[in-house]
Amino acid sequence: MEDLPFINFNGSPNASLILRKSTGGKLPVVRPTGSNWDRDFGIGLSGSSYVSINNIEISVDPMNSNVEFGYYIKPSGPEKGSNNIQIIDGAIILNKNNNKSKAIYQTTDLNINGFSITAQS
């Protein structure tokens, strides 16, 4: 197991990225491991547009308190935020003992990349 990188897909209404369960049965599972970093996530979107995530489970081991977010949605730059994102059904299971955990976290904070916003519109 390993943590996934950020998805930075730039689509359009006619060309979107769809992540989904393809057939019946159990949901596909993303199982992030986390680290000492305080912004670990199952699925991260950075400056992405037109992304649909359907019937995906994000689940951490009950003893793992290193994962803070199920979904982490952020901009990729001062003028490139994430937009037109759909998260449909699925499940997000995090460690309830981690008081920093959030199922879906969306931010305009660019400090995760080591720099600050210089312009915003």
N, C-alpha and C. Protein backbone atom coordinates (compact mmCIF):
# COMPACT_ATOMS: atom_id res chain seq x y z
N MET A 1 0.84 -1.19 0.00
CA MET A 1 0.00 0.00 0.00
C MET A 1 0.88 1.25 0.00
N GLU A 2 0.39 2.27 -0.64
CA GLU A 2 1.08 3.55 -0.61
C GLU A 2 0.05 4.66 -0.82
N ASP A 3 0.45 5.87 -0.51
CA ASP A 3 -0.44 7.01 -0.67
C ASP A 3 -0.44 7.46 -2.13
N LEU A 4 -1.60 7.91 -2.59
CA LEU A 4 -1.74 8.36 -3.96
C LEU A 4 -1.24 9.80 -4.11
N PRO A 5 -0.74 10.17 -5.30
CA PRO A 5 -0.40 11.57 -5.56
C PRO A 5 -1.67 12.37 -5.83
N PHE A 6 -1.56 13.69 -5.86
CA PHE A 6 -2.69 14.54 -6.22
C PHE A 6 -3.08 14.29 -7.67
N ILE A 7 -4.39 14.36 -7.93
CA ILE A 7 -4.91 14.34 -9.29
C ILE A 7 -5.02 15.79 -9.72
N ASN A 8 -4.46 16.12 -10.88
CA ASN A 8 -4.53 17.51 -11.37
C ASN A 8 -5.10 17.55 -12.79
N PHE A 9 -6.20 16.86 -12.98
CA PHE A 9 -6.87 16.76 -14.28
C PHE A 9 -7.61 18.05 -14.60
N ASN A 10 -7.43 18.56 -15.81
CA ASN A 10 -8.14 19.75 -16.27
C ASN A 10 -9.04 19.36 -17.42
N GLY A 11 -10.32 19.20 -17.13
CA GLY A 11 -11.26 18.76 -18.14
C GLY A 11 -12.19 19.86 -18.59
N SER A 12 -13.28 19.44 -19.20
CA SER A 12 -14.31 20.36 -19.68
C SER A 12 -15.64 19.62 -19.58
N PRO A 13 -16.75 20.32 -19.82
CA PRO A 13 -18.04 19.62 -19.74
C PRO A 13 -18.12 18.41 -20.68
N ASN A 14 -17.41 18.45 -21.78
CA ASN A 14 -17.45 17.34 -22.74
C ASN A 14 -16.29 16.37 -22.59
N ALA A 15 -15.38 16.64 -21.70
CA ALA A 15 -14.21 15.77 -21.50
C ALA A 15 -13.88 15.74 -20.01
N SER A 16 -14.57 14.87 -19.28
CA SER A 16 -14.38 14.81 -17.83
C SER A 16 -13.67 13.53 -17.43
N LEU A 17 -13.12 13.53 -16.23
CA LEU A 17 -12.50 12.35 -15.65
C LEU A 17 -13.53 11.71 -14.72
N ILE A 18 -13.81 10.42 -14.94
CA ILE A 18 -14.77 9.70 -14.11
C ILE A 18 -14.06 8.51 -13.47
N LEU A 19 -14.03 8.51 -12.14
CA LEU A 19 -13.51 7.38 -11.38
C LEU A 19 -14.71 6.70 -10.76
N ARG A 20 -14.93 5.42 -11.09
CA ARG A 20 -16.12 4.77 -10.60
C ARG A 20 -15.97 3.25 -10.53
N LYS A 21 -16.84 2.67 -9.76
CA LYS A 21 -16.96 1.22 -9.70
C LYS A 21 -17.57 0.77 -11.03
N SER A 22 -16.97 -0.26 -11.64
CA SER A 22 -17.42 -0.64 -12.97
C SER A 22 -18.50 -1.72 -12.99
N THR A 23 -18.58 -2.56 -11.97
CA THR A 23 -19.57 -3.63 -11.96
C THR A 23 -20.18 -3.76 -10.57
N GLY A 24 -21.08 -4.73 -10.41
CA GLY A 24 -21.70 -4.98 -9.11
C GLY A 24 -20.70 -5.46 -8.08
N GLY A 25 -21.17 -5.68 -6.88
CA GLY A 25 -20.30 -6.16 -5.82
C GLY A 25 -19.84 -5.04 -4.91
N LYS A 26 -18.77 -5.32 -4.18
CA LYS A 26 -18.25 -4.36 -3.20
C LYS A 26 -17.64 -3.14 -3.88
N LEU A 27 -17.59 -2.05 -3.11
CA LEU A 27 -16.96 -0.82 -3.60
C LEU A 27 -15.45 -1.01 -3.70
N PRO A 28 -14.81 -0.42 -4.72
CA PRO A 28 -13.35 -0.40 -4.73
C PRO A 28 -12.87 0.44 -3.55
N VAL A 29 -11.75 0.06 -2.95
CA VAL A 29 -11.27 0.71 -1.74
C VAL A 29 -9.93 1.39 -1.98
N VAL A 30 -9.84 2.66 -1.60
CA VAL A 30 -8.58 3.38 -1.51
C VAL A 30 -8.20 3.33 -0.04
N ARG A 31 -7.02 2.78 0.26
CA ARG A 31 -6.61 2.61 1.66
C ARG A 31 -5.29 3.37 1.88
N PRO A 32 -5.37 4.67 2.20
CA PRO A 32 -4.15 5.45 2.42
C PRO A 32 -3.43 5.03 3.71
N THR A 33 -2.12 5.14 3.68
CA THR A 33 -1.34 4.77 4.86
C THR A 33 -1.02 5.97 5.73
N GLY A 34 -0.85 7.15 5.11
CA GLY A 34 -0.52 8.35 5.87
C GLY A 34 0.93 8.39 6.30
N SER A 35 1.28 9.48 6.96
CA SER A 35 2.66 9.70 7.41
C SER A 35 2.63 10.73 8.54
N ASN A 36 3.78 11.28 8.86
CA ASN A 36 3.86 12.33 9.88
C ASN A 36 3.41 13.68 9.35
N TRP A 37 3.21 13.79 8.04
CA TRP A 37 2.70 15.01 7.41
C TRP A 37 1.29 15.23 7.93
N ASP A 38 0.88 16.46 8.16
CA ASP A 38 -0.44 16.70 8.75
C ASP A 38 -1.55 16.93 7.72
N ARG A 39 -1.32 16.54 6.48
CA ARG A 39 -2.35 16.69 5.45
C ARG A 39 -2.41 15.46 4.55
N ASP A 40 -2.46 14.30 5.16
CA ASP A 40 -2.57 13.06 4.40
C ASP A 40 -4.02 12.85 3.96
N PHE A 41 -4.20 12.22 2.82
CA PHE A 41 -5.53 12.07 2.25
C PHE A 41 -5.66 10.75 1.51
N GLY A 42 -6.92 10.36 1.26
CA GLY A 42 -7.19 9.20 0.43
C GLY A 42 -7.13 9.57 -1.04
N ILE A 43 -7.90 10.59 -1.43
CA ILE A 43 -7.88 11.11 -2.80
C ILE A 43 -7.71 12.61 -2.71
N GLY A 44 -6.71 13.14 -3.42
CA GLY A 44 -6.44 14.57 -3.45
C GLY A 44 -6.62 15.14 -4.84
N LEU A 45 -7.26 16.29 -4.91
CA LEU A 45 -7.47 17.00 -6.18
C LEU A 45 -6.79 18.35 -6.08
N SER A 46 -5.90 18.65 -7.02
CA SER A 46 -5.15 19.90 -6.99
C SER A 46 -5.38 20.66 -8.29
N GLY A 47 -6.17 21.71 -8.22
CA GLY A 47 -6.46 22.50 -9.41
C GLY A 47 -7.22 21.72 -10.46
N SER A 48 -7.93 20.71 -10.06
CA SER A 48 -8.65 19.85 -11.01
C SER A 48 -9.99 20.45 -11.39
N SER A 49 -10.45 20.08 -12.59
CA SER A 49 -11.77 20.51 -13.03
C SER A 49 -12.45 19.37 -13.77
N TYR A 50 -13.76 19.31 -13.59
CA TYR A 50 -14.61 18.31 -14.23
C TYR A 50 -14.17 16.89 -13.88
N VAL A 51 -14.22 16.59 -12.59
CA VAL A 51 -13.89 15.26 -12.08
C VAL A 51 -15.11 14.73 -11.34
N SER A 52 -15.47 13.49 -11.64
CA SER A 52 -16.58 12.82 -10.97
C SER A 52 -16.06 11.54 -10.33
N ILE A 53 -16.31 11.37 -9.04
CA ILE A 53 -15.86 10.18 -8.31
C ILE A 53 -17.12 9.49 -7.78
N ASN A 54 -17.39 8.29 -8.30
CA ASN A 54 -18.63 7.59 -8.00
C ASN A 54 -18.36 6.24 -7.33
N ASN A 55 -19.01 6.02 -6.19
CA ASN A 55 -18.97 4.71 -5.53
C ASN A 55 -17.57 4.21 -5.23
N ILE A 56 -16.75 5.05 -4.64
CA ILE A 56 -15.41 4.67 -4.21
C ILE A 56 -15.37 4.76 -2.69
N GLU A 57 -14.78 3.79 -2.04
CA GLU A 57 -14.62 3.82 -0.58
C GLU A 57 -13.20 4.23 -0.23
N ILE A 58 -13.09 5.17 0.70
CA ILE A 58 -11.80 5.53 1.28
C ILE A 58 -11.85 5.06 2.72
N SER A 59 -10.91 4.21 3.08
CA SER A 59 -10.95 3.59 4.40
C SER A 59 -9.55 3.43 4.96
N VAL A 60 -9.37 3.84 6.21
CA VAL A 60 -8.08 3.64 6.88
C VAL A 60 -8.23 2.53 7.92
N ASP A 61 -7.12 1.90 8.21
CA ASP A 61 -7.10 0.89 9.26
C ASP A 61 -7.53 1.58 10.57
N PRO A 62 -8.35 0.93 11.39
CA PRO A 62 -8.83 1.56 12.63
C PRO A 62 -7.71 2.04 13.57
N MET A 63 -6.55 1.44 13.49
CA MET A 63 -5.44 1.84 14.35
C MET A 63 -4.59 2.95 13.73
N ASN A 64 -4.90 3.34 12.49
CA ASN A 64 -4.11 4.35 11.78
C ASN A 64 -4.69 5.74 12.04
N SER A 65 -3.94 6.58 12.74
CA SER A 65 -4.39 7.95 12.98
C SER A 65 -3.58 8.94 12.15
N ASN A 66 -2.88 8.47 11.12
CA ASN A 66 -2.02 9.32 10.30
C ASN A 66 -2.72 9.93 9.10
N VAL A 67 -3.97 9.61 8.85
CA VAL A 67 -4.67 10.14 7.68
C VAL A 67 -5.71 11.14 8.16
N GLU A 68 -5.58 12.38 7.70
CA GLU A 68 -6.46 13.45 8.17
C GLU A 68 -7.72 13.61 7.30
N PHE A 69 -7.61 13.37 5.99
CA PHE A 69 -8.72 13.69 5.09
C PHE A 69 -9.06 12.53 4.17
N GLY A 70 -10.36 12.33 3.95
CA GLY A 70 -10.79 11.38 2.94
C GLY A 70 -10.48 11.97 1.57
N TYR A 71 -11.10 13.13 1.29
CA TYR A 71 -10.82 13.89 0.06
C TYR A 71 -10.18 15.21 0.45
N TYR A 72 -9.12 15.58 -0.24
CA TYR A 72 -8.46 16.87 -0.02
C TYR A 72 -8.49 17.61 -1.36
N ILE A 73 -9.21 18.72 -1.40
CA ILE A 73 -9.41 19.49 -2.63
C ILE A 73 -8.79 20.85 -2.45
N LYS A 74 -7.84 21.20 -3.33
CA LYS A 74 -7.11 22.46 -3.18
C LYS A 74 -6.78 23.06 -4.54
N PRO A 75 -6.38 24.33 -4.56
CA PRO A 75 -5.94 24.93 -5.82
C PRO A 75 -4.53 24.48 -6.16
N SER A 76 -4.17 24.60 -7.44
CA SER A 76 -2.79 24.29 -7.83
C SER A 76 -1.96 25.55 -7.94
N GLY A 77 -2.60 26.71 -7.91
CA GLY A 77 -1.89 27.99 -7.98
C GLY A 77 -2.83 29.10 -7.57
N PRO A 78 -2.33 30.33 -7.50
CA PRO A 78 -3.14 31.46 -7.03
C PRO A 78 -4.40 31.71 -7.85
N GLU A 79 -4.39 31.31 -9.11
CA GLU A 79 -5.53 31.56 -9.98
C GLU A 79 -6.11 30.28 -10.57
N LYS A 80 -5.77 29.13 -10.01
CA LYS A 80 -6.25 27.85 -10.54
C LYS A 80 -6.81 26.99 -9.43
N GLY A 81 -8.06 27.23 -9.09
CA GLY A 81 -8.72 26.41 -8.08
C GLY A 81 -9.32 25.16 -8.69
N SER A 82 -9.79 24.26 -7.85
CA SER A 82 -10.52 23.09 -8.32
C SER A 82 -11.98 23.47 -8.49
N ASN A 83 -12.62 22.97 -9.56
CA ASN A 83 -14.03 23.29 -9.77
C ASN A 83 -14.73 22.16 -10.52
N ASN A 84 -16.05 22.17 -10.45
CA ASN A 84 -16.88 21.15 -11.08
C ASN A 84 -16.47 19.74 -10.65
N ILE A 85 -16.37 19.55 -9.34
CA ILE A 85 -16.01 18.27 -8.74
C ILE A 85 -17.28 17.62 -8.19
N GLN A 86 -17.51 16.36 -8.52
CA GLN A 86 -18.65 15.61 -7.98
C GLN A 86 -18.13 14.41 -7.22
N ILE A 87 -18.60 14.24 -6.00
CA ILE A 87 -18.32 13.04 -5.21
C ILE A 87 -19.69 12.43 -4.93
N ILE A 88 -19.94 11.25 -5.52
CA ILE A 88 -21.26 10.65 -5.50
C ILE A 88 -21.21 9.30 -4.80
N ASP A 89 -22.05 9.14 -3.80
CA ASP A 89 -22.14 7.89 -3.04
C ASP A 89 -20.78 7.49 -2.48
N GLY A 90 -20.50 6.21 -2.36
CA GLY A 90 -19.23 5.76 -1.79
C GLY A 90 -19.25 5.83 -0.27
N ALA A 91 -18.07 5.74 0.32
CA ALA A 91 -17.94 5.77 1.78
C ALA A 91 -16.58 6.36 2.15
N ILE A 92 -16.53 7.03 3.29
CA ILE A 92 -15.29 7.58 3.83
C ILE A 92 -15.21 7.15 5.28
N ILE A 93 -14.21 6.33 5.60
CA ILE A 93 -14.07 5.80 6.96
C ILE A 93 -12.69 6.19 7.47
N LEU A 94 -12.66 7.11 8.46
CA LEU A 94 -11.41 7.59 9.04
C LEU A 94 -11.35 7.20 10.51
N ASN A 95 -10.20 7.41 11.13
CA ASN A 95 -10.04 7.11 12.55
C ASN A 95 -10.71 8.20 13.37
N LYS A 96 -11.74 7.84 14.13
CA LYS A 96 -12.49 8.84 14.91
C LYS A 96 -11.68 9.42 16.06
N ASN A 97 -10.55 8.80 16.40
CA ASN A 97 -9.70 9.32 17.47
C ASN A 97 -8.76 10.42 16.99
N ASN A 98 -8.69 10.65 15.68
CA ASN A 98 -7.88 11.74 15.14
C ASN A 98 -8.77 12.97 15.06
N ASN A 99 -8.58 13.92 15.96
CA ASN A 99 -9.47 15.09 16.01
C ASN A 99 -9.25 16.06 14.84
N LYS A 100 -8.26 15.80 13.99
CA LYS A 100 -8.04 16.62 12.80
C LYS A 100 -8.70 16.03 11.56
N SER A 101 -9.29 14.84 11.68
CA SER A 101 -9.82 14.18 10.48
C SER A 101 -11.11 14.82 9.99
N LYS A 102 -11.22 14.89 8.66
CA LYS A 102 -12.40 15.42 7.99
C LYS A 102 -12.65 14.56 6.76
N ALA A 103 -13.89 14.23 6.50
CA ALA A 103 -14.22 13.39 5.36
C ALA A 103 -13.85 14.08 4.05
N ILE A 104 -14.34 15.32 3.88
CA ILE A 104 -14.05 16.10 2.67
C ILE A 104 -13.55 17.47 3.11
N TYR A 105 -12.36 17.83 2.65
CA TYR A 105 -11.77 19.11 3.03
C TYR A 105 -11.41 19.87 1.77
N GLN A 106 -11.99 21.06 1.61
CA GLN A 106 -11.68 21.91 0.48
C GLN A 106 -11.09 23.20 1.01
N THR A 107 -10.00 23.65 0.40
CA THR A 107 -9.31 24.83 0.90
C THR A 107 -8.77 25.68 -0.24
N THR A 108 -8.48 26.94 0.06
CA THR A 108 -7.76 27.81 -0.87
C THR A 108 -6.31 27.95 -0.43
N ASP A 109 -5.91 27.22 0.59
CA ASP A 109 -4.56 27.30 1.15
C ASP A 109 -3.54 26.64 0.23
N LEU A 110 -2.58 27.41 -0.25
CA LEU A 110 -1.53 26.87 -1.10
C LEU A 110 -0.30 26.47 -0.32
N ASN A 111 -0.28 26.69 0.99
CA ASN A 111 0.91 26.38 1.78
C ASN A 111 1.27 24.90 1.76
N ILE A 112 0.34 24.05 1.37
CA ILE A 112 0.64 22.63 1.28
C ILE A 112 1.76 22.39 0.26
N ASN A 113 1.92 23.30 -0.70
CA ASN A 113 2.98 23.18 -1.70
C ASN A 113 4.22 23.97 -1.32
N GLY A 114 4.20 24.63 -0.18
CA GLY A 114 5.36 25.38 0.26
C GLY A 114 5.38 26.83 -0.18
N PHE A 115 4.26 27.37 -0.67
CA PHE A 115 4.20 28.78 -1.01
C PHE A 115 2.83 29.32 -0.66
N SER A 116 2.70 30.65 -0.65
CA SER A 116 1.45 31.28 -0.27
C SER A 116 0.78 31.92 -1.46
N ILE A 117 -0.52 32.15 -1.35
CA ILE A 117 -1.27 32.82 -2.41
C ILE A 117 -0.75 34.24 -2.58
N THR A 118 -0.46 34.65 -3.82
CA THR A 118 -0.02 36.01 -4.08
C THR A 118 -1.10 36.83 -4.77
N ALA A 119 -2.05 36.16 -5.43
CA ALA A 119 -3.15 36.85 -6.08
C ALA A 119 -4.37 35.95 -6.02
N GLN A 120 -5.52 36.54 -5.86
CA GLN A 120 -6.74 35.77 -5.81
C GLN A 120 -7.84 36.55 -6.50
N SER A 121 -8.65 35.86 -7.29
CA SER A 121 -9.72 36.56 -7.96
C SER A 121 -11.07 36.00 -7.58
